[in-house]
């Protein structure tokens, strides 16, 4: 079999009910493109029998199973698959069948028009109202933080060129924000509307608390602007204090204003705290950069790899019929 042109990376956590249908539809969607493909399933510590089902799939040509030692989370699982993907293009999607693999050719067609990232924007989402509103807020914040004008940042259904995912390991723990990193690295991103369907089985792995935790991590960890905004806020407060002090001094000199101790204290506090906040903003930025550079902890740990898509040194590598 030829080297794959497109690699599908599918993170799996307790989706045994959906896997047989997913595998059949995924192969059909990839075959419709007319290019060599491979599928990389990443078992993120499932305990419902998903791993045994996925191992059966590796008897198919071009299918690889990467098993992680425990549940690390969706984005570390995707990163483990991306590290082993060999195609020039990579498509990612969840295993819950809320996205239809039949939409993959539509993303591929947009890629052929010159886009290095094609995001699957979900329409008519079958989720609770609270989840949809939280997602809408998250997408707005993502656009504000990154400057990338995508409508559905939180969609896991994407087709991206290899140039947008190379050297992602350099970002250490911030790879948990893969959608943001890939979007910022893309030169010519685009969006294609795709369907969104109710779950047939299993349950969502993202509740309200999970989304809140994700956003706390994003605000603290994401490099662009977080501490810069703190420093800028302090600088603005300091400048306003100086302007207030200058106006107060001029009015006092001209005799238009009587002594106002409370106003003097307020202006003094604005200047003092402006300097302090600016200093902490710069300090936070330096510490964050040092933290990023010092990351040596593995993003995830691989227990075994079954199939052709593996890295040198992967444990218990077992070739399938590709070999």
C-alpha atoms as a PDB file:
ATOM      1  CA  UNK A   1       0.000   0.000   0.000  1.00  0.00           C
ATOM      2  CA  UNK A   2       1.246   3.512  -0.853  1.00  0.00           C
ATOM      3  CA  UNK A   3       2.270   6.029   1.772  1.00  0.00           C
ATOM      4  CA  UNK A   4      -0.947   7.697   2.945  1.00  0.00           C
ATOM      5  CA  UNK A   5      -1.912  11.103   1.651  1.00  0.00           C
ATOM      6  CA  UNK A   6      -4.376  11.635   4.475  1.00  0.00           C
ATOM      7  CA  UNK A   7      -4.268  10.373   8.047  1.00  0.00           C
ATOM      8  CA  UNK A   8      -7.361  10.204  10.243  1.00  0.00           C
ATOM      9  CA  UNK A   9      -6.645  10.615  13.962  1.00  0.00           C
ATOM     10  CA  UNK A  10      -9.475   9.484  16.230  1.00  0.00           C
ATOM     11  CA  UNK A  11      -9.260   9.767  20.041  1.00  0.00           C
ATOM     12  CA  UNK A  12     -11.369   7.130  21.785  1.00  0.00           C
ATOM     13  CA  UNK A  13     -12.514   6.994  25.388  1.00  0.00           C
ATOM     14  CA  UNK A  14     -15.286   4.543  26.288  1.00  0.00           C
ATOM     15  CA  UNK A  15     -17.059   4.560  22.914  1.00  0.00           C
ATOM     16  CA  UNK A  16     -17.528   0.810  22.441  1.00  0.00           C
ATOM     17  CA  UNK A  17     -21.150   1.235  21.350  1.00  0.00           C
ATOM     18  CA  UNK A  18     -20.220   3.491  18.400  1.00  0.00           C
ATOM     19  CA  UNK A  19     -16.975   1.976  17.142  1.00  0.00           C
ATOM     20  CA  UNK A  20     -18.192  -0.597  14.609  1.00  0.00           C
ATOM     21  CA  UNK A  21     -20.378   1.926  12.782  1.00  0.00           C
ATOM     22  CA  UNK A  22     -17.692   4.601  13.073  1.00  0.00           C
ATOM     23  CA  UNK A  23     -15.063   2.367  11.488  1.00  0.00           C
ATOM     24  CA  UNK A  24     -17.299   1.412   8.560  1.00  0.00           C
ATOM     25  CA  UNK A  25     -18.352   4.995   7.851  1.00  0.00           C
ATOM     26  CA  UNK A  26     -14.852   6.363   8.351  1.00  0.00           C
ATOM     27  CA  UNK A  27     -13.353   3.988   5.800  1.00  0.00           C
ATOM     28  CA  UNK A  28     -16.087   4.903   3.331  1.00  0.00           C
ATOM     29  CA  UNK A  29     -15.524   8.648   3.837  1.00  0.00           C
ATOM     30  CA  UNK A  30     -11.762   8.365   3.364  1.00  0.00           C
ATOM     31  CA  UNK A  31     -12.077   6.059   0.340  1.00  0.00           C
ATOM     32  CA  UNK A  32     -14.383   8.588  -1.337  1.00  0.00           C
ATOM     33  CA  UNK A  33     -11.478  11.038  -1.526  1.00  0.00           C
ATOM     34  CA  UNK A  34      -9.599   8.752  -3.897  1.00  0.00           C
ATOM     35  CA  UNK A  35      -6.232   9.073  -2.142  1.00  0.00           C
ATOM     36  CA  UNK A  36      -4.263   6.607   0.027  1.00  0.00           C
ATOM     37  CA  UNK A  37      -5.277   6.896   3.669  1.00  0.00           C
ATOM     38  CA  UNK A  38      -4.566   5.568   7.127  1.00  0.00           C
ATOM     39  CA  UNK A  39      -6.539   5.567  10.365  1.00  0.00           C
ATOM     40  CA  UNK A  40      -4.920   6.051  13.769  1.00  0.00           C
ATOM     41  CA  UNK A  41      -7.151   5.245  16.727  1.00  0.00           C
ATOM     42  CA  UNK A  42      -5.839   6.446  20.082  1.00  0.00           C
ATOM     43  CA  UNK A  43      -7.326   4.565  23.022  1.00  0.00           C
ATOM     44  CA  UNK A  44      -7.255   7.072  25.855  1.00  0.00           C
ATOM     45  CA  UNK A  45      -7.488   4.599  28.718  1.00  0.00           C
ATOM     46  CA  UNK A  46     -10.912   3.130  27.882  1.00  0.00           C
ATOM     47  CA  UNK A  47     -12.379   0.597  30.305  1.00  0.00           C
ATOM     48  CA  UNK A  48     -15.545  -0.452  28.465  1.00  0.00           C
ATOM     49  CA  UNK A  49     -14.049  -2.892  25.946  1.00  0.00           C
ATOM     50  CA  UNK A  50     -13.208  -0.230  23.325  1.00  0.00           C
ATOM     51  CA  UNK A  51      -9.583  -1.351  23.219  1.00  0.00           C
ATOM     52  CA  UNK A  52     -10.480  -4.934  22.220  1.00  0.00           C
ATOM     53  CA  UNK A  53     -12.743  -3.684  19.425  1.00  0.00           C
ATOM     54  CA  UNK A  54     -10.076  -1.283  18.151  1.00  0.00           C
ATOM     55  CA  UNK A  55      -7.470  -4.040  18.138  1.00  0.00           C
ATOM     56  CA  UNK A  56      -9.706  -6.038  15.776  1.00  0.00           C
ATOM     57  CA  UNK A  57      -9.725  -3.074  13.376  1.00  0.00           C
ATOM     58  CA  UNK A  58      -5.929  -3.271  13.008  1.00  0.00           C
ATOM     59  CA  UNK A  59      -6.391  -6.332  10.810  1.00  0.00           C
ATOM     60  CA  UNK A  60      -7.479  -3.843   8.131  1.00  0.00           C
ATOM     61  CA  UNK A  61      -4.738  -2.454   5.953  1.00  0.00           C
ATOM     62  CA  UNK A  62      -3.526   0.947   7.159  1.00  0.00           C
ATOM     63  CA  UNK A  63      -5.162   0.938  10.603  1.00  0.00           C
ATOM     64  CA  UNK A  64      -3.107   1.609  13.738  1.00  0.00           C
ATOM     65  CA  UNK A  65      -4.090   1.436  17.394  1.00  0.00           C
ATOM     66  CA  UNK A  66      -2.171   3.544  19.911  1.00  0.00           C
ATOM     67  CA  UNK A  67      -2.991   2.637  23.512  1.00  0.00           C
ATOM     68  CA  UNK A  68      -2.186   5.127  26.262  1.00  0.00           C
ATOM     69  CA  UNK A  69      -1.353   3.951  29.770  1.00  0.00           C
ATOM     70  CA  UNK A  70      -4.315   5.812  31.283  1.00  0.00           C
ATOM     71  CA  UNK A  71      -6.857   8.521  30.517  1.00  0.00           C
ATOM     72  CA  UNK A  72      -4.909  11.693  29.695  1.00  0.00           C
ATOM     73  CA  UNK A  73      -7.710  13.622  27.994  1.00  0.00           C
ATOM     74  CA  UNK A  74      -8.853  14.354  24.475  1.00  0.00           C
ATOM     75  CA  UNK A  75      -6.095  16.703  23.373  1.00  0.00           C
ATOM     76  CA  UNK A  76      -3.137  14.645  24.655  1.00  0.00           C
ATOM     77  CA  UNK A  77      -4.702  11.647  22.875  1.00  0.00           C
ATOM     78  CA  UNK A  78      -4.981  13.610  19.620  1.00  0.00           C
ATOM     79  CA  UNK A  79      -1.386  14.783  20.014  1.00  0.00           C
ATOM     80  CA  UNK A  80      -0.216  11.168  20.383  1.00  0.00           C
ATOM     81  CA  UNK A  81      -1.950  10.362  17.107  1.00  0.00           C
ATOM     82  CA  UNK A  82      -0.596  13.435  15.319  1.00  0.00           C
ATOM     83  CA  UNK A  83       2.947  12.475  16.354  1.00  0.00           C
ATOM     84  CA  UNK A  84       2.532   9.205  14.463  1.00  0.00           C
ATOM     85  CA  UNK A  85       0.501  10.416  11.475  1.00  0.00           C
ATOM     86  CA  UNK A  86       2.366  10.012   8.192  1.00  0.00           C
ATOM     87  CA  UNK A  87       0.010  11.675   5.744  1.00  0.00           C
ATOM     88  CA  UNK A  88       0.510  15.081   4.156  1.00  0.00           C
ATOM     89  CA  UNK A  89      -2.961  15.908   5.459  1.00  0.00           C
ATOM     90  CA  UNK A  90      -4.532  14.991   8.799  1.00  0.00           C
ATOM     91  CA  UNK A  91      -8.224  14.875   9.668  1.00  0.00           C
ATOM     92  CA  UNK A  92      -9.322  14.732  13.304  1.00  0.00           C
ATOM     93  CA  UNK A  93     -12.753  13.922  14.626  1.00  0.00           C
ATOM     94  CA  UNK A  94     -14.377  12.478  17.741  1.00  0.00           C
ATOM     95  CA  UNK A  95     -15.493   8.866  17.981  1.00  0.00           C
ATOM     96  CA  UNK A  96     -19.055   9.637  19.099  1.00  0.00           C
ATOM     97  CA  UNK A  97     -20.513   9.928  15.560  1.00  0.00           C
ATOM     98  CA  UNK A  98     -21.894  13.374  16.248  1.00  0.00           C
ATOM     99  CA  UNK A  99     -19.877  14.327  13.174  1.00  0.00           C
ATOM    100  CA  UNK A 100     -20.458  12.316  10.002  1.00  0.00           C
ATOM    101  CA  UNK A 101     -17.332  10.888   8.296  1.00  0.00           C
ATOM    102  CA  UNK A 102     -19.236  11.320   5.031  1.00  0.00           C
ATOM    103  CA  UNK A 103     -18.431  15.055   5.336  1.00  0.00           C
ATOM    104  CA  UNK A 104     -14.686  14.398   5.018  1.00  0.00           C
ATOM    105  CA  UNK A 105     -14.742  14.773   1.176  1.00  0.00           C
ATOM    106  CA  UNK A 106     -16.300  18.242   1.607  1.00  0.00           C
ATOM    107  CA  UNK A 107     -13.397  19.300   3.826  1.00  0.00           C
ATOM    108  CA  UNK A 108     -11.003  17.763   1.322  1.00  0.00           C
ATOM    109  CA  UNK A 109     -12.522  19.761  -1.538  1.00  0.00           C
ATOM    110  CA  UNK A 110     -11.950  22.997   0.409  1.00  0.00           C
ATOM    111  CA  UNK A 111      -8.340  21.942   1.037  1.00  0.00           C
ATOM    112  CA  UNK A 112      -7.827  21.462  -2.710  1.00  0.00           C
ATOM    113  CA  UNK A 113      -8.880  25.099  -3.170  1.00  0.00           C
ATOM    114  CA  UNK A 114      -5.736  26.215  -1.326  1.00  0.00           C
ATOM    115  CA  UNK A 115      -6.657  26.155   2.366  1.00  0.00           C
ATOM    116  CA  UNK A 116      -4.152  24.600   4.781  1.00  0.00           C
ATOM    117  CA  UNK A 117      -6.772  24.300   7.549  1.00  0.00           C
ATOM    118  CA  UNK A 118     -10.419  23.442   7.008  1.00  0.00           C
ATOM    119  CA  UNK A 119     -12.538  23.629  10.137  1.00  0.00           C
ATOM    120  CA  UNK A 120     -15.825  21.762  10.325  1.00  0.00           C
ATOM    121  CA  UNK A 121     -18.304  24.333  11.663  1.00  0.00           C
ATOM    122  CA  UNK A 122     -21.212  22.507  13.293  1.00  0.00           C
ATOM    123  CA  UNK A 123     -24.752  23.584  12.462  1.00  0.00           C
ATOM    124  CA  UNK A 124     -27.986  22.591  14.220  1.00  0.00           C
ATOM    125  CA  UNK A 125     -26.059  21.301  17.204  1.00  0.00           C
ATOM    126  CA  UNK A 126     -27.759  18.540  19.194  1.00  0.00           C
ATOM    127  CA  UNK A 127     -26.632  19.543  22.664  1.00  0.00           C
ATOM    128  CA  UNK A 128     -28.147  21.057  25.774  1.00  0.00           C
ATOM    129  CA  UNK A 129     -28.879  24.783  25.623  1.00  0.00           C
ATOM    130  CA  UNK A 130     -26.377  25.478  28.413  1.00  0.00           C
ATOM    131  CA  UNK A 131     -23.659  23.653  26.487  1.00  0.00           C
ATOM    132  CA  UNK A 132     -24.420  25.569  23.285  1.00  0.00           C
ATOM    133  CA  UNK A 133     -24.291  28.896  25.103  1.00  0.00           C
ATOM    134  CA  UNK A 134     -21.037  27.966  26.813  1.00  0.00           C
ATOM    135  CA  UNK A 135     -19.578  26.968  23.450  1.00  0.00           C
ATOM    136  CA  UNK A 136     -20.729  30.242  21.873  1.00  0.00           C
ATOM    137  CA  UNK A 137     -18.990  32.188  24.635  1.00  0.00           C
ATOM    138  CA  UNK A 138     -15.874  30.038  24.279  1.00  0.00           C
ATOM    139  CA  UNK A 139     -15.708  30.658  20.535  1.00  0.00           C
ATOM    140  CA  UNK A 140     -16.047  34.412  21.071  1.00  0.00           C
ATOM    141  CA  UNK A 141     -13.236  34.394  23.617  1.00  0.00           C
ATOM    142  CA  UNK A 142     -11.047  32.303  21.310  1.00  0.00           C
ATOM    143  CA  UNK A 143     -11.494  34.823  18.524  1.00  0.00           C
ATOM    144  CA  UNK A 144     -10.627  37.683  20.894  1.00  0.00           C
ATOM    145  CA  UNK A 145      -7.550  35.934  22.284  1.00  0.00           C
ATOM    146  CA  UNK A 146      -6.142  34.624  19.005  1.00  0.00           C
ATOM    147  CA  UNK A 147      -7.301  37.057  16.329  1.00  0.00           C
ATOM    148  CA  UNK A 148      -8.324  34.083  14.131  1.00  0.00           C
ATOM    149  CA  UNK A 149     -11.851  34.530  12.769  1.00  0.00           C
ATOM    150  CA  UNK A 150     -13.221  30.999  12.983  1.00  0.00           C
ATOM    151  CA  UNK A 151     -16.816  30.515  14.090  1.00  0.00           C
ATOM    152  CA  UNK A 152     -16.473  27.087  15.717  1.00  0.00           C
ATOM    153  CA  UNK A 153     -13.102  26.805  17.451  1.00  0.00           C
ATOM    154  CA  UNK A 154     -14.361  24.008  19.705  1.00  0.00           C
ATOM    155  CA  UNK A 155     -15.135  21.690  16.806  1.00  0.00           C
ATOM    156  CA  UNK A 156     -12.900  18.623  16.847  1.00  0.00           C
ATOM    157  CA  UNK A 157     -13.642  17.958  13.178  1.00  0.00           C
ATOM    158  CA  UNK A 158     -10.758  19.478  11.214  1.00  0.00           C
ATOM    159  CA  UNK A 159      -8.603  18.804   8.171  1.00  0.00           C
ATOM    160  CA  UNK A 160      -5.152  20.338   8.352  1.00  0.00           C
ATOM    161  CA  UNK A 161      -1.970  20.289   6.318  1.00  0.00           C
ATOM    162  CA  UNK A 162       1.144  18.812   7.884  1.00  0.00           C
ATOM    163  CA  UNK A 163       2.779  22.252   8.002  1.00  0.00           C
ATOM    164  CA  UNK A 164       0.239  23.333  10.643  1.00  0.00           C
ATOM    165  CA  UNK A 165       1.027  20.451  13.020  1.00  0.00           C
ATOM    166  CA  UNK A 166       4.814  20.123  12.756  1.00  0.00           C
ATOM    167  CA  UNK A 167       6.847  20.860  15.895  1.00  0.00           C
ATOM    168  CA  UNK A 168       3.754  20.993  18.104  1.00  0.00           C
ATOM    169  CA  UNK A 169       5.771  19.111  20.723  1.00  0.00           C
ATOM    170  CA  UNK A 170       7.757  22.328  21.246  1.00  0.00           C
ATOM    171  CA  UNK A 171       4.678  23.819  22.915  1.00  0.00           C
ATOM    172  CA  UNK A 172       4.773  21.346  25.811  1.00  0.00           C
ATOM    173  CA  UNK A 173       1.616  21.385  27.940  1.00  0.00           C
ATOM    174  CA  UNK A 174       0.038  24.054  25.750  1.00  0.00           C
ATOM    175  CA  UNK A 175      -0.635  21.341  23.177  1.00  0.00           C
ATOM    176  CA  UNK A 176      -3.886  20.802  25.083  1.00  0.00           C
ATOM    177  CA  UNK A 177      -5.064  23.849  23.061  1.00  0.00           C
ATOM    178  CA  UNK A 178      -4.418  22.142  19.725  1.00  0.00           C
ATOM    179  CA  UNK A 179      -7.297  23.842  17.957  1.00  0.00           C
ATOM    180  CA  UNK A 180      -5.915  27.263  18.846  1.00  0.00           C
ATOM    181  CA  UNK A 181      -2.315  26.411  17.981  1.00  0.00           C
ATOM    182  CA  UNK A 182      -3.226  24.897  14.610  1.00  0.00           C
ATOM    183  CA  UNK A 183      -5.500  27.837  13.745  1.00  0.00           C
ATOM    184  CA  UNK A 184      -2.753  30.347  14.527  1.00  0.00           C
ATOM    185  CA  UNK A 185      -0.191  28.423  12.464  1.00  0.00           C
ATOM    186  CA  UNK A 186      -2.472  28.137   9.421  1.00  0.00           C
ATOM    187  CA  UNK A 187      -1.768  30.613   6.623  1.00  0.00           C
ATOM    188  CA  UNK A 188      -5.126  30.309   4.898  1.00  0.00           C
ATOM    189  CA  UNK A 189      -7.803  28.756   7.151  1.00  0.00           C
ATOM    190  CA  UNK A 190     -11.364  28.146   6.035  1.00  0.00           C
ATOM    191  CA  UNK A 191     -14.587  26.741   7.460  1.00  0.00           C
ATOM    192  CA  UNK A 192     -17.089  24.350   5.977  1.00  0.00           C
ATOM    193  CA  UNK A 193     -20.494  23.806   7.560  1.00  0.00           C
ATOM    194  CA  UNK A 194     -20.968  20.193   8.618  1.00  0.00           C
ATOM    195  CA  UNK A 195     -23.809  18.308  10.210  1.00  0.00           C
ATOM    196  CA  UNK A 196     -24.060  17.586  13.910  1.00  0.00           C
ATOM    197  CA  UNK A 197     -26.033  14.608  15.120  1.00  0.00           C
ATOM    198  CA  UNK A 198     -27.382  13.250  18.421  1.00  0.00           C
ATOM    199  CA  UNK A 199     -25.340  10.658  20.251  1.00  0.00           C
ATOM    200  CA  UNK A 200     -26.474   7.100  19.578  1.00  0.00           C
ATOM    201  CA  UNK A 201     -24.698   5.685  22.597  1.00  0.00           C
ATOM    202  CA  UNK A 202     -22.258   6.533  25.370  1.00  0.00           C
ATOM    203  CA  UNK A 203     -22.189   9.891  27.055  1.00  0.00           C
ATOM    204  CA  UNK A 204     -20.397  13.188  26.586  1.00  0.00           C
ATOM    205  CA  UNK A 205     -17.007  13.509  28.269  1.00  0.00           C
ATOM    206  CA  UNK A 206     -17.387  17.291  28.571  1.00  0.00           C
ATOM    207  CA  UNK A 207     -19.647  18.614  31.304  1.00  0.00           C
ATOM    208  CA  UNK A 208     -19.930  22.174  32.575  1.00  0.00           C
ATOM    209  CA  UNK A 209     -17.133  21.638  35.118  1.00  0.00           C
ATOM    210  CA  UNK A 210     -14.848  20.242  32.412  1.00  0.00           C
ATOM    211  CA  UNK A 211     -15.460  23.289  30.245  1.00  0.00           C
ATOM    212  CA  UNK A 212     -14.764  25.626  33.170  1.00  0.00           C
ATOM    213  CA  UNK A 213     -11.528  23.771  33.939  1.00  0.00           C
ATOM    214  CA  UNK A 214     -10.497  24.003  30.283  1.00  0.00           C
ATOM    215  CA  UNK A 215     -11.034  27.754  30.276  1.00  0.00           C
ATOM    216  CA  UNK A 216      -9.084  28.277  33.465  1.00  0.00           C
ATOM    217  CA  UNK A 217      -6.224  26.354  31.884  1.00  0.00           C
ATOM    218  CA  UNK A 218      -6.505  28.403  28.696  1.00  0.00           C
ATOM    219  CA  UNK A 219      -6.458  31.759  30.470  1.00  0.00           C
ATOM    220  CA  UNK A 220      -3.494  30.770  32.642  1.00  0.00           C
ATOM    221  CA  UNK A 221      -1.450  28.847  30.076  1.00  0.00           C
ATOM    222  CA  UNK A 222      -2.065  30.290  26.643  1.00  0.00           C
ATOM    223  CA  UNK A 223       0.915  32.387  25.716  1.00  0.00           C
ATOM    224  CA  UNK A 224      -0.399  35.300  23.662  1.00  0.00           C
ATOM    225  CA  UNK A 225      -1.630  38.277  25.683  1.00  0.00           C
ATOM    226  CA  UNK A 226      -2.650  36.863  29.071  1.00  0.00           C
ATOM    227  CA  UNK A 227       0.111  38.485  31.128  1.00  0.00           C
ATOM    228  CA  UNK A 228       0.575  41.100  28.446  1.00  0.00           C
ATOM    229  CA  UNK A 229      -2.982  42.236  29.162  1.00  0.00           C
ATOM    230  CA  UNK A 230      -2.134  42.455  32.866  1.00  0.00           C
ATOM    231  CA  UNK A 231       0.903  44.605  32.094  1.00  0.00           C
ATOM    232  CA  UNK A 232      -1.048  46.795  29.682  1.00  0.00           C
ATOM    233  CA  UNK A 233      -3.816  47.290  32.266  1.00  0.00           C
ATOM    234  CA  UNK A 234      -1.247  48.372  34.843  1.00  0.00           C
ATOM    235  CA  UNK A 235       0.363  50.753  32.372  1.00  0.00           C
ATOM    236  CA  UNK A 236      -3.008  52.331  31.561  1.00  0.00           C
ATOM    237  CA  UNK A 237      -3.762  52.766  35.265  1.00  0.00           C
ATOM    238  CA  UNK A 238      -0.324  54.356  35.804  1.00  0.00           C
ATOM    239  CA  UNK A 239      -0.771  56.749  32.874  1.00  0.00           C
ATOM    240  CA  UNK A 240      -4.256  57.756  34.047  1.00  0.00           C
ATOM    241  CA  UNK A 241      -2.776  58.438  37.484  1.00  0.00           C
ATOM    242  CA  UNK A 242      -0.077  60.674  35.979  1.00  0.00           C
ATOM    243  CA  UNK A 243      -2.644  62.523  33.885  1.00  0.00           C
ATOM    244  CA  UNK A 244      -4.833  62.983  36.964  1.00  0.00           C
ATOM    245  CA  UNK A 245      -1.844  64.247  38.966  1.00  0.00           C
ATOM    246  CA  UNK A 246      -0.943  66.726  36.208  1.00  0.00           C
ATOM    247  CA  UNK A 247      -4.529  68.037  35.955  1.00  0.00           C
ATOM    248  CA  UNK A 248      -4.776  68.326  39.733  1.00  0.00           C
ATOM    249  CA  UNK A 249      -1.468  70.220  39.920  1.00  0.00           C
ATOM    250  CA  UNK A 250      -2.485  72.657  37.159  1.00  0.00           C
ATOM    251  CA  UNK A 251      -5.892  73.336  38.731  1.00  0.00           C
ATOM    252  CA  UNK A 252      -4.319  73.871  42.140  1.00  0.00           C
ATOM    253  CA  UNK A 253      -1.695  76.245  40.673  1.00  0.00           C
ATOM    254  CA  UNK A 254      -4.416  78.211  38.855  1.00  0.00           C
ATOM    255  CA  UNK A 255      -6.482  78.437  42.021  1.00  0.00           C
ATOM    256  CA  UNK A 256      -9.450  76.697  40.462  1.00  0.00           C
ATOM    257  CA  UNK A 257      -9.393  73.785  42.890  1.00  0.00           C
ATOM    258  CA  UNK A 258      -9.112  73.635  46.648  1.00  0.00           C
ATOM    259  CA  UNK A 259      -6.955  71.058  48.411  1.00  0.00           C
ATOM    260  CA  UNK A 260      -8.598  67.638  48.215  1.00  0.00           C
ATOM    261  CA  UNK A 261      -6.730  65.049  50.293  1.00  0.00           C
ATOM    262  CA  UNK A 262      -9.047  62.216  49.193  1.00  0.00           C
ATOM    263  CA  UNK A 263      -8.361  62.995  45.530  1.00  0.00           C
ATOM    264  CA  UNK A 264      -4.629  63.138  46.199  1.00  0.00           C
ATOM    265  CA  UNK A 265      -4.761  59.700  47.822  1.00  0.00           C
ATOM    266  CA  UNK A 266      -6.762  58.316  44.897  1.00  0.00           C
ATOM    267  CA  UNK A 267      -4.286  59.660  42.345  1.00  0.00           C
ATOM    268  CA  UNK A 268      -1.373  58.363  44.399  1.00  0.00           C
ATOM    269  CA  UNK A 269      -2.949  54.901  44.595  1.00  0.00           C
ATOM    270  CA  UNK A 270      -3.536  54.845  40.829  1.00  0.00           C
ATOM    271  CA  UNK A 271       0.128  55.629  40.168  1.00  0.00           C
ATOM    272  CA  UNK A 272       1.421  53.198  42.803  1.00  0.00           C
ATOM    273  CA  UNK A 273      -0.791  50.256  41.865  1.00  0.00           C
ATOM    274  CA  UNK A 274      -0.300  50.958  38.156  1.00  0.00           C
ATOM    275  CA  UNK A 275       3.451  50.492  38.607  1.00  0.00           C
ATOM    276  CA  UNK A 276       2.892  47.335  40.672  1.00  0.00           C
ATOM    277  CA  UNK A 277       0.487  45.740  38.197  1.00  0.00           C
ATOM    278  CA  UNK A 278       2.756  46.584  35.258  1.00  0.00           C
ATOM    279  CA  UNK A 279       5.693  44.979  37.068  1.00  0.00           C
ATOM    280  CA  UNK A 280       3.727  41.800  37.831  1.00  0.00           C
ATOM    281  CA  UNK A 281       2.562  41.644  34.215  1.00  0.00           C
ATOM    282  CA  UNK A 282       6.142  41.666  32.948  1.00  0.00           C
ATOM    283  CA  UNK A 283       7.224  39.233  35.662  1.00  0.00           C
ATOM    284  CA  UNK A 284       4.384  36.848  34.802  1.00  0.00           C
ATOM    285  CA  UNK A 285       5.302  36.970  31.117  1.00  0.00           C
ATOM    286  CA  UNK A 286       8.940  36.077  31.839  1.00  0.00           C
ATOM    287  CA  UNK A 287       7.988  33.259  34.225  1.00  0.00           C
ATOM    288  CA  UNK A 288       5.495  31.864  31.724  1.00  0.00           C
ATOM    289  CA  UNK A 289       8.098  31.795  28.967  1.00  0.00           C
ATOM    290  CA  UNK A 290      10.603  30.065  31.232  1.00  0.00           C
ATOM    291  CA  UNK A 291       7.919  27.540  32.185  1.00  0.00           C
ATOM    292  CA  UNK A 292       7.148  26.802  28.530  1.00  0.00           C
ATOM    293  CA  UNK A 293      10.812  26.251  27.684  1.00  0.00           C
ATOM    294  CA  UNK A 294      11.382  24.015  30.695  1.00  0.00           C
ATOM    295  CA  UNK A 295       8.584  21.566  29.926  1.00  0.00           C
ATOM    296  CA  UNK A 296      10.090  18.123  29.786  1.00  0.00           C
ATOM    297  CA  UNK A 297       7.157  16.096  31.113  1.00  0.00           C
ATOM    298  CA  UNK A 298       5.606  13.785  28.477  1.00  0.00           C
ATOM    299  CA  UNK A 299       2.225  14.986  27.282  1.00  0.00           C
ATOM    300  CA  UNK A 300       1.020  11.388  27.413  1.00  0.00           C
ATOM    301  CA  UNK A 301       2.507   7.903  27.828  1.00  0.00           C
ATOM    302  CA  UNK A 302       2.042   5.172  25.261  1.00  0.00           C
ATOM    303  CA  UNK A 303       1.490   1.610  26.453  1.00  0.00           C
ATOM    304  CA  UNK A 304       1.566  -0.110  23.056  1.00  0.00           C
ATOM    305  CA  UNK A 305       1.214   0.485  19.335  1.00  0.00           C
ATOM    306  CA  UNK A 306      -0.394  -1.994  16.946  1.00  0.00           C
ATOM    307  CA  UNK A 307      -0.021  -1.155  13.275  1.00  0.00           C
ATOM    308  CA  UNK A 308       2.294   0.641  10.875  1.00  0.00           C
ATOM    309  CA  UNK A 309       2.087   4.208  12.213  1.00  0.00           C
ATOM    310  CA  UNK A 310       4.615   4.323  15.039  1.00  0.00           C
ATOM    311  CA  UNK A 311       7.652   6.205  16.236  1.00  0.00           C
ATOM    312  CA  UNK A 312      11.100   4.704  16.866  1.00  0.00           C
ATOM    313  CA  UNK A 313      11.187   3.464  20.422  1.00  0.00           C
ATOM    314  CA  UNK A 314       7.428   2.920  20.753  1.00  0.00           C
ATOM    315  CA  UNK A 315       6.774   0.042  23.177  1.00  0.00           C
ATOM    316  CA  UNK A 316       5.391  -3.279  21.970  1.00  0.00           C
ATOM    317  CA  UNK A 317       5.112  -2.275  18.327  1.00  0.00           C
ATOM    318  CA  UNK A 318       3.128  -4.930  16.479  1.00  0.00           C
ATOM    319  CA  UNK A 319       2.873  -4.638  12.668  1.00  0.00           C
ATOM    320  CA  UNK A 320      -0.402  -5.513  10.989  1.00  0.00           C
ATOM    321  CA  UNK A 321      -1.018  -6.590   7.415  1.00  0.00           C
ATOM    322  CA  UNK A 322       0.679  -3.444   6.089  1.00  0.00           C
ATOM    323  CA  UNK A 323       4.102  -4.816   7.017  1.00  0.00           C
END
